Amino acid sequence: MNKIDLIQDIDELIDRYCEGCFLKKQLREERGKSGAHKFCITGCTVGEQLKFLGTELNKLDQ
């Protein structure tokens, strides 16, 4: 996969699942911005996929 494809995949995931996410909104109210962010990275399957794609993107930059 090339860099442009990875960035497009990341954008698509964020647009499809993260924008307007009710759970993210609720957690942000309850735990604050950093608490919601932590959940999105560690507890959400979409966040895990984004983390994987980000790692792949970093590999290409090295």
N, C-alpha and C. Protein backbone atom coordinates (compact mmCIF):
# COMPACT_ATOMS: atom_id res chain seq x y z
N MET A 1 0.83 -1.17 0.00
CA MET A 1 0.00 0.00 0.00
C MET A 1 0.89 1.25 0.00
N ASN A 2 0.48 2.25 -0.72
CA ASN A 2 1.29 3.47 -0.74
C ASN A 2 0.72 4.51 0.22
N LYS A 3 1.46 5.57 0.40
CA LYS A 3 1.14 6.61 1.37
C LYS A 3 -0.23 7.25 1.12
N ILE A 4 -0.52 7.54 -0.13
CA ILE A 4 -1.79 8.19 -0.47
C ILE A 4 -2.97 7.28 -0.14
N ASP A 5 -2.85 5.99 -0.44
CA ASP A 5 -3.92 5.04 -0.13
C ASP A 5 -4.16 4.94 1.37
N LEU A 6 -3.08 4.92 2.14
CA LEU A 6 -3.21 4.84 3.59
C LEU A 6 -3.91 6.08 4.15
N ILE A 7 -3.52 7.24 3.67
CA ILE A 7 -4.14 8.48 4.15
C ILE A 7 -5.62 8.52 3.77
N GLN A 8 -5.95 8.07 2.58
CA GLN A 8 -7.35 8.03 2.16
C GLN A 8 -8.15 7.05 3.01
N ASP A 9 -7.57 5.91 3.35
CA ASP A 9 -8.23 4.94 4.22
C ASP A 9 -8.48 5.52 5.61
N ILE A 10 -7.49 6.23 6.13
CA ILE A 10 -7.64 6.87 7.44
C ILE A 10 -8.76 7.91 7.40
N ASP A 11 -8.75 8.76 6.39
CA ASP A 11 -9.79 9.78 6.25
C ASP A 11 -11.18 9.16 6.13
N GLU A 12 -11.27 8.10 5.37
CA GLU A 12 -12.56 7.43 5.17
C GLU A 12 -13.08 6.84 6.49
N LEU A 13 -12.21 6.20 7.25
CA LEU A 13 -12.63 5.64 8.54
C LEU A 13 -13.11 6.74 9.49
N ILE A 14 -12.37 7.82 9.56
CA ILE A 14 -12.75 8.93 10.45
C ILE A 14 -14.09 9.53 10.01
N ASP A 15 -14.24 9.76 8.71
CA ASP A 15 -15.49 10.34 8.20
C ASP A 15 -16.67 9.40 8.44
N ARG A 16 -16.48 8.13 8.24
CA ARG A 16 -17.58 7.17 8.33
C ARG A 16 -17.97 6.86 9.77
N TYR A 17 -16.99 6.67 10.64
CA TYR A 17 -17.29 6.16 11.97
C TYR A 17 -17.06 7.15 13.11
N CYS A 18 -16.11 8.04 13.00
CA CYS A 18 -15.75 8.90 14.14
C CYS A 18 -16.53 10.20 14.17
N GLU A 19 -16.76 10.80 13.02
CA GLU A 19 -17.53 12.04 12.97
C GLU A 19 -18.97 11.74 13.40
N GLY A 20 -19.41 12.42 14.45
CA GLY A 20 -20.77 12.23 14.93
C GLY A 20 -20.95 10.98 15.79
N CYS A 21 -19.87 10.37 16.25
CA CYS A 21 -19.96 9.17 17.07
C CYS A 21 -20.60 9.51 18.42
N PHE A 22 -21.71 8.87 18.73
CA PHE A 22 -22.41 9.14 19.98
C PHE A 22 -21.57 8.74 21.18
N LEU A 23 -20.90 7.62 21.10
CA LEU A 23 -20.08 7.15 22.22
C LEU A 23 -18.94 8.12 22.52
N LYS A 24 -18.29 8.59 21.49
CA LYS A 24 -17.22 9.57 21.67
C LYS A 24 -17.76 10.84 22.33
N LYS A 25 -18.91 11.29 21.88
CA LYS A 25 -19.52 12.49 22.45
C LYS A 25 -19.86 12.28 23.93
N GLN A 26 -20.44 11.15 24.25
CA GLN A 26 -20.81 10.85 25.63
C GLN A 26 -19.59 10.73 26.53
N LEU A 27 -18.56 10.02 26.05
CA LEU A 27 -17.35 9.87 26.85
C LEU A 27 -16.64 11.20 27.05
N ARG A 28 -16.72 12.06 26.07
CA ARG A 28 -16.10 13.38 26.19
C ARG A 28 -16.77 14.19 27.29
N GLU A 29 -18.08 14.05 27.41
CA GLU A 29 -18.80 14.75 28.48
C GLU A 29 -18.46 14.16 29.84
N GLU A 30 -18.36 12.82 29.91
CA GLU A 30 -18.12 12.15 31.19
C GLU A 30 -16.65 12.17 31.63
N ARG A 31 -15.74 11.93 30.69
CA ARG A 31 -14.33 11.76 31.03
C ARG A 31 -13.43 12.89 30.54
N GLY A 32 -13.98 13.77 29.75
CA GLY A 32 -13.18 14.84 29.16
C GLY A 32 -12.56 14.39 27.85
N LYS A 33 -11.90 15.33 27.21
CA LYS A 33 -11.33 15.08 25.89
C LYS A 33 -10.28 13.97 25.92
N SER A 34 -9.38 14.01 26.89
CA SER A 34 -8.32 13.00 26.93
C SER A 34 -8.85 11.62 27.28
N GLY A 35 -9.88 11.55 28.12
CA GLY A 35 -10.48 10.26 28.46
C GLY A 35 -11.17 9.63 27.26
N ALA A 36 -11.87 10.44 26.51
CA ALA A 36 -12.53 9.94 25.30
C ALA A 36 -11.50 9.51 24.27
N HIS A 37 -10.44 10.30 24.13
CA HIS A 37 -9.38 9.97 23.18
C HIS A 37 -8.71 8.65 23.55
N LYS A 38 -8.47 8.46 24.83
CA LYS A 38 -7.84 7.21 25.29
C LYS A 38 -8.72 6.01 24.95
N PHE A 39 -10.03 6.13 25.18
CA PHE A 39 -10.93 5.03 24.82
C PHE A 39 -10.90 4.77 23.32
N CYS A 40 -10.94 5.82 22.53
CA CYS A 40 -10.96 5.66 21.07
C CYS A 40 -9.73 4.90 20.58
N ILE A 41 -8.59 5.14 21.20
CA ILE A 41 -7.36 4.49 20.78
C ILE A 41 -7.27 3.04 21.27
N THR A 42 -7.67 2.82 22.52
CA THR A 42 -7.44 1.50 23.13
C THR A 42 -8.67 0.60 23.15
N GLY A 43 -9.88 1.18 23.17
CA GLY A 43 -11.06 0.35 23.35
C GLY A 43 -11.98 0.24 22.16
N CYS A 44 -11.75 1.03 21.16
CA CYS A 44 -12.64 1.05 19.99
C CYS A 44 -11.99 0.29 18.82
N THR A 45 -12.76 -0.53 18.15
CA THR A 45 -12.20 -1.29 17.02
C THR A 45 -11.79 -0.38 15.88
N VAL A 46 -12.51 0.71 15.68
CA VAL A 46 -12.15 1.66 14.64
C VAL A 46 -10.83 2.34 15.02
N GLY A 47 -10.70 2.69 16.29
CA GLY A 47 -9.46 3.29 16.76
C GLY A 47 -8.27 2.37 16.60
N GLU A 48 -8.49 1.09 16.85
CA GLU A 48 -7.42 0.11 16.66
C GLU A 48 -7.01 0.04 15.20
N GLN A 49 -7.97 0.10 14.30
CA GLN A 49 -7.67 0.08 12.87
C GLN A 49 -6.92 1.34 12.46
N LEU A 50 -7.33 2.48 13.00
CA LEU A 50 -6.63 3.74 12.71
C LEU A 50 -5.20 3.69 13.23
N LYS A 51 -5.02 3.12 14.39
CA LYS A 51 -3.68 2.98 14.96
C LYS A 51 -2.81 2.10 14.06
N PHE A 52 -3.38 1.00 13.56
CA PHE A 52 -2.65 0.12 12.66
C PHE A 52 -2.25 0.85 11.37
N LEU A 53 -3.19 1.58 10.79
CA LEU A 53 -2.90 2.31 9.56
C LEU A 53 -1.85 3.39 9.79
N GLY A 54 -1.90 4.03 10.95
CA GLY A 54 -0.89 5.02 11.28
C GLY A 54 0.49 4.41 11.41
N THR A 55 0.56 3.21 11.99
CA THR A 55 1.83 2.52 12.10
C THR A 55 2.38 2.17 10.72
N GLU A 56 1.51 1.72 9.84
CA GLU A 56 1.92 1.40 8.47
C GLU A 56 2.41 2.65 7.75
N LEU A 57 1.75 3.76 7.99
CA LEU A 57 2.15 5.03 7.38
C LEU A 57 3.54 5.45 7.88
N ASN A 58 3.78 5.26 9.16
CA ASN A 58 5.10 5.58 9.72
C ASN A 58 6.20 4.70 9.14
N LYS A 59 5.88 3.46 8.87
CA LYS A 59 6.87 2.54 8.28
C LYS A 59 7.32 3.04 6.90
N LEU A 60 6.37 3.62 6.16
CA LEU A 60 6.69 4.13 4.82
C LEU A 60 7.59 5.35 4.90
N ASP A 61 7.48 6.13 5.96
CA ASP A 61 8.28 7.35 6.10
C ASP A 61 9.71 7.07 6.53
N GLN A 62 9.97 5.89 7.03
CA GLN A 62 11.32 5.58 7.51
C GLN A 62 12.23 5.11 6.43
